[in-house]
N, C-alpha and C. Protein backbone atom coordinates (compact mmCIF):
# COMPACT_ATOMS: atom_id res chain seq x y z
N MET A 1 21.98 26.48 -69.72
CA MET A 1 23.19 26.40 -70.51
C MET A 1 24.16 25.44 -69.81
N LEU A 2 24.99 24.78 -70.56
CA LEU A 2 25.94 23.82 -70.01
C LEU A 2 27.18 24.53 -69.48
N ASP A 3 27.76 23.98 -68.40
CA ASP A 3 29.01 24.55 -67.94
C ASP A 3 30.15 24.08 -68.84
N ALA A 4 31.27 24.76 -68.80
CA ALA A 4 32.36 24.54 -69.75
C ALA A 4 32.89 23.10 -69.78
N PRO A 5 33.19 22.44 -68.64
CA PRO A 5 33.72 21.07 -68.73
C PRO A 5 32.75 20.10 -69.39
N VAL A 6 31.46 20.22 -69.08
CA VAL A 6 30.46 19.33 -69.70
C VAL A 6 30.33 19.67 -71.18
N ALA A 7 30.31 20.95 -71.51
CA ALA A 7 30.13 21.37 -72.89
C ALA A 7 31.29 20.90 -73.76
N GLN A 8 32.50 20.90 -73.24
CA GLN A 8 33.65 20.48 -74.04
C GLN A 8 33.66 18.98 -74.27
N ALA A 9 32.99 18.22 -73.41
CA ALA A 9 32.96 16.78 -73.56
C ALA A 9 32.02 16.34 -74.66
N ILE A 10 31.08 17.21 -75.04
CA ILE A 10 30.13 16.86 -76.10
C ILE A 10 30.82 16.94 -77.45
N ALA A 11 30.74 15.89 -78.22
CA ALA A 11 31.38 15.87 -79.54
C ALA A 11 30.34 15.61 -80.61
N PRO A 12 30.56 16.10 -81.82
CA PRO A 12 29.64 15.80 -82.91
C PRO A 12 29.54 14.29 -83.13
N GLN A 13 28.36 13.82 -83.43
CA GLN A 13 28.10 12.39 -83.51
C GLN A 13 28.53 11.77 -84.84
N ALA A 14 28.30 12.42 -85.96
CA ALA A 14 28.44 11.75 -87.26
C ALA A 14 29.59 12.28 -88.10
N GLY A 15 30.65 12.75 -87.48
CA GLY A 15 31.78 13.28 -88.24
C GLY A 15 31.52 14.70 -88.69
N PRO A 16 32.51 15.32 -89.28
CA PRO A 16 32.36 16.73 -89.64
C PRO A 16 31.31 16.96 -90.72
N ASN A 17 30.47 17.92 -90.48
CA ASN A 17 29.46 18.34 -91.44
C ASN A 17 29.91 19.69 -91.97
N PRO A 18 30.08 19.85 -93.26
CA PRO A 18 30.59 21.11 -93.79
C PRO A 18 29.62 22.28 -93.62
N ARG A 19 28.49 22.06 -93.02
CA ARG A 19 27.51 23.13 -92.85
C ARG A 19 27.34 23.60 -91.41
N TRP A 20 28.04 23.01 -90.45
CA TRP A 20 27.87 23.41 -89.06
C TRP A 20 28.24 24.86 -88.84
N ARG A 21 29.32 25.29 -89.41
CA ARG A 21 29.76 26.68 -89.23
C ARG A 21 28.74 27.64 -89.84
N MET A 22 28.21 27.27 -90.99
CA MET A 22 27.21 28.11 -91.64
C MET A 22 25.93 28.18 -90.80
N LEU A 23 25.50 27.05 -90.24
CA LEU A 23 24.31 27.04 -89.39
C LEU A 23 24.50 27.94 -88.17
N LEU A 24 25.68 27.85 -87.56
CA LEU A 24 25.95 28.69 -86.40
C LEU A 24 25.98 30.16 -86.79
N TYR A 25 26.57 30.46 -87.93
CA TYR A 25 26.62 31.85 -88.42
C TYR A 25 25.20 32.37 -88.69
N ASN A 26 24.34 31.54 -89.29
CA ASN A 26 22.96 31.95 -89.55
C ASN A 26 22.22 32.27 -88.25
N LEU A 27 22.46 31.47 -87.21
CA LEU A 27 21.84 31.75 -85.91
C LEU A 27 22.36 33.08 -85.34
N LYS A 28 23.62 33.36 -85.60
CA LYS A 28 24.19 34.63 -85.14
C LYS A 28 23.53 35.80 -85.87
N MET A 29 23.31 35.68 -87.16
CA MET A 29 22.69 36.74 -87.93
C MET A 29 21.22 36.95 -87.53
N GLN A 30 20.57 35.89 -87.06
CA GLN A 30 19.19 35.99 -86.57
C GLN A 30 19.14 36.47 -85.12
N ARG A 31 20.31 36.73 -84.54
CA ARG A 31 20.47 37.18 -83.15
C ARG A 31 19.91 36.18 -82.14
N LYS A 32 20.04 34.91 -82.48
CA LYS A 32 19.64 33.85 -81.55
C LYS A 32 20.83 33.36 -80.74
N VAL A 33 22.04 33.54 -81.28
CA VAL A 33 23.28 33.10 -80.65
C VAL A 33 24.32 34.19 -80.83
N TYR A 34 25.10 34.41 -79.80
CA TYR A 34 26.23 35.35 -79.89
C TYR A 34 27.50 34.58 -79.60
N TYR A 35 28.50 34.75 -80.46
CA TYR A 35 29.76 34.04 -80.27
C TYR A 35 30.92 34.78 -80.91
N MET A 36 32.12 34.38 -80.49
CA MET A 36 33.36 34.81 -81.12
C MET A 36 34.06 33.55 -81.60
N GLU A 37 34.94 33.73 -82.55
CA GLU A 37 35.63 32.58 -83.14
C GLU A 37 37.12 32.87 -83.17
N ARG A 38 37.92 31.84 -82.90
CA ARG A 38 39.37 31.98 -82.92
C ARG A 38 39.98 30.70 -83.48
N ALA A 39 41.00 30.83 -84.33
CA ALA A 39 41.70 29.66 -84.87
C ALA A 39 43.20 29.94 -84.88
N THR A 40 43.99 28.97 -84.41
CA THR A 40 45.44 29.12 -84.39
C THR A 40 46.08 27.83 -84.90
N ALA A 41 47.26 27.99 -85.50
CA ALA A 41 48.00 26.85 -86.03
C ALA A 41 49.17 26.54 -85.10
N ASN A 42 49.44 25.26 -84.94
CA ASN A 42 50.58 24.80 -84.14
C ASN A 42 51.40 23.83 -84.96
N GLY A 43 52.69 23.80 -84.71
CA GLY A 43 53.57 22.86 -85.40
C GLY A 43 54.19 23.45 -86.65
N PRO A 44 55.06 22.68 -87.30
CA PRO A 44 55.72 23.17 -88.51
C PRO A 44 54.75 23.27 -89.68
N ARG A 45 55.08 24.10 -90.65
CA ARG A 45 54.17 24.34 -91.79
C ARG A 45 53.81 23.06 -92.53
N HIS A 46 54.71 22.12 -92.61
CA HIS A 46 54.42 20.89 -93.37
C HIS A 46 53.55 19.91 -92.58
N ALA A 47 53.33 20.18 -91.29
CA ALA A 47 52.51 19.29 -90.47
C ALA A 47 51.73 20.10 -89.43
N GLU A 48 51.01 21.11 -89.90
CA GLU A 48 50.27 21.97 -88.99
C GLU A 48 49.07 21.27 -88.39
N THR A 49 48.79 21.62 -87.17
CA THR A 49 47.56 21.21 -86.50
C THR A 49 46.83 22.48 -86.13
N TRP A 50 45.58 22.58 -86.54
CA TRP A 50 44.78 23.77 -86.26
C TRP A 50 43.89 23.53 -85.06
N ASN A 51 43.82 24.54 -84.21
CA ASN A 51 42.94 24.54 -83.05
C ASN A 51 41.96 25.69 -83.22
N ALA A 52 40.68 25.39 -83.09
CA ALA A 52 39.66 26.43 -83.23
C ALA A 52 38.84 26.48 -81.95
N GLN A 53 38.35 27.67 -81.63
CA GLN A 53 37.49 27.87 -80.48
C GLN A 53 36.25 28.63 -80.91
N ILE A 54 35.12 28.20 -80.42
CA ILE A 54 33.88 28.96 -80.51
C ILE A 54 33.57 29.38 -79.07
N ILE A 55 33.49 30.66 -78.84
CA ILE A 55 33.26 31.20 -77.51
C ILE A 55 31.86 31.80 -77.48
N LEU A 56 30.94 31.12 -76.80
CA LEU A 56 29.56 31.59 -76.71
C LEU A 56 29.45 32.72 -75.68
N LEU A 57 28.68 33.73 -76.04
CA LEU A 57 28.49 34.90 -75.19
C LEU A 57 27.03 35.01 -74.79
N ASP A 58 26.75 35.74 -73.70
CA ASP A 58 25.36 35.90 -73.27
C ASP A 58 24.67 37.07 -73.96
N GLY A 59 25.36 37.83 -74.78
CA GLY A 59 24.79 38.95 -75.51
C GLY A 59 25.81 39.50 -76.50
N PRO A 60 25.47 40.57 -77.21
CA PRO A 60 26.38 41.10 -78.23
C PRO A 60 27.76 41.45 -77.69
N GLU A 61 27.84 41.99 -76.48
CA GLU A 61 29.14 42.31 -75.88
C GLU A 61 29.22 41.72 -74.48
N GLY A 62 28.63 40.55 -74.31
CA GLY A 62 28.46 39.96 -72.99
C GLY A 62 29.62 39.13 -72.52
N LYS A 63 29.36 38.46 -71.40
CA LYS A 63 30.38 37.61 -70.81
C LYS A 63 30.35 36.22 -71.43
N VAL A 64 31.44 35.49 -71.25
CA VAL A 64 31.60 34.16 -71.83
C VAL A 64 30.73 33.16 -71.08
N ILE A 65 29.94 32.40 -71.84
CA ILE A 65 29.09 31.35 -71.26
C ILE A 65 29.82 30.01 -71.32
N ALA A 66 30.37 29.68 -72.48
CA ALA A 66 31.06 28.40 -72.67
C ALA A 66 32.02 28.51 -73.84
N THR A 67 32.99 27.60 -73.87
CA THR A 67 33.97 27.55 -74.96
C THR A 67 33.99 26.13 -75.53
N TYR A 68 33.98 26.04 -76.85
CA TYR A 68 34.00 24.74 -77.54
C TYR A 68 35.23 24.69 -78.43
N HIS A 69 35.93 23.55 -78.41
CA HIS A 69 37.18 23.41 -79.13
C HIS A 69 37.05 22.41 -80.27
N GLY A 70 37.83 22.65 -81.31
CA GLY A 70 37.95 21.72 -82.42
C GLY A 70 39.40 21.65 -82.83
N GLN A 71 39.86 20.48 -83.25
CA GLN A 71 41.24 20.30 -83.68
C GLN A 71 41.26 19.44 -84.93
N ALA A 72 42.03 19.89 -85.94
CA ALA A 72 42.11 19.14 -87.20
C ALA A 72 43.36 19.57 -87.96
N ASN A 73 43.57 18.95 -89.11
CA ASN A 73 44.73 19.27 -89.94
C ASN A 73 44.54 20.53 -90.77
N THR A 74 43.30 20.97 -90.94
CA THR A 74 43.03 22.21 -91.68
C THR A 74 42.23 23.17 -90.80
N ARG A 75 42.37 24.45 -91.10
CA ARG A 75 41.64 25.46 -90.33
C ARG A 75 40.13 25.27 -90.47
N GLN A 76 39.69 25.04 -91.69
CA GLN A 76 38.26 24.88 -91.93
C GLN A 76 37.69 23.70 -91.16
N ALA A 77 38.37 22.58 -91.18
CA ALA A 77 37.88 21.40 -90.46
C ALA A 77 37.84 21.63 -88.96
N ALA A 78 38.83 22.32 -88.42
CA ALA A 78 38.84 22.62 -86.99
C ALA A 78 37.68 23.54 -86.62
N ARG A 79 37.41 24.54 -87.45
CA ARG A 79 36.29 25.46 -87.20
C ARG A 79 34.95 24.72 -87.30
N GLU A 80 34.82 23.81 -88.24
CA GLU A 80 33.59 23.03 -88.37
C GLU A 80 33.36 22.15 -87.15
N GLU A 81 34.43 21.54 -86.66
CA GLU A 81 34.30 20.67 -85.49
C GLU A 81 33.87 21.48 -84.26
N ALA A 82 34.50 22.62 -84.04
CA ALA A 82 34.13 23.46 -82.91
C ALA A 82 32.68 23.96 -83.04
N SER A 83 32.28 24.32 -84.26
CA SER A 83 30.91 24.77 -84.49
C SER A 83 29.91 23.65 -84.22
N GLY A 84 30.25 22.44 -84.64
CA GLY A 84 29.38 21.29 -84.40
C GLY A 84 29.19 21.02 -82.92
N ARG A 85 30.25 21.17 -82.14
CA ARG A 85 30.14 20.96 -80.69
C ARG A 85 29.27 22.04 -80.05
N ALA A 86 29.41 23.28 -80.52
CA ALA A 86 28.59 24.37 -79.99
C ALA A 86 27.11 24.13 -80.32
N LEU A 87 26.83 23.73 -81.56
CA LEU A 87 25.44 23.47 -81.96
C LEU A 87 24.85 22.31 -81.18
N ALA A 88 25.65 21.28 -80.93
CA ALA A 88 25.17 20.13 -80.14
C ALA A 88 24.80 20.56 -78.73
N ALA A 89 25.63 21.38 -78.13
CA ALA A 89 25.36 21.84 -76.77
C ALA A 89 24.13 22.75 -76.72
N LEU A 90 23.91 23.51 -77.78
CA LEU A 90 22.76 24.40 -77.84
C LEU A 90 21.48 23.67 -78.22
N GLY A 91 21.61 22.42 -78.69
CA GLY A 91 20.43 21.63 -79.04
C GLY A 91 19.89 21.91 -80.43
N TYR A 92 20.73 22.41 -81.34
CA TYR A 92 20.27 22.73 -82.69
C TYR A 92 20.47 21.62 -83.69
N TYR A 93 21.00 20.50 -83.29
CA TYR A 93 21.06 19.32 -84.17
C TYR A 93 21.08 18.07 -83.36
């Protein structure tokens, strides 16, 4: 598994894919990957910036292995970006 600084440096190659979050969720349902998700908004309502985190775990209630960040103008786009980075680090795309 990659350590956190290296893992955060990995970015999705071809721009946001609207299916990265779904792919990561499917892996979670197959019990191949365990993660938590967090999204927060910063800035005024008319110009919000969303920050999302995917926190990979070593088991269902395990310790944190790595954290992947995404930032965008919408919550969905930020979550997709973070999911894409997690999938890239895991080698699933």
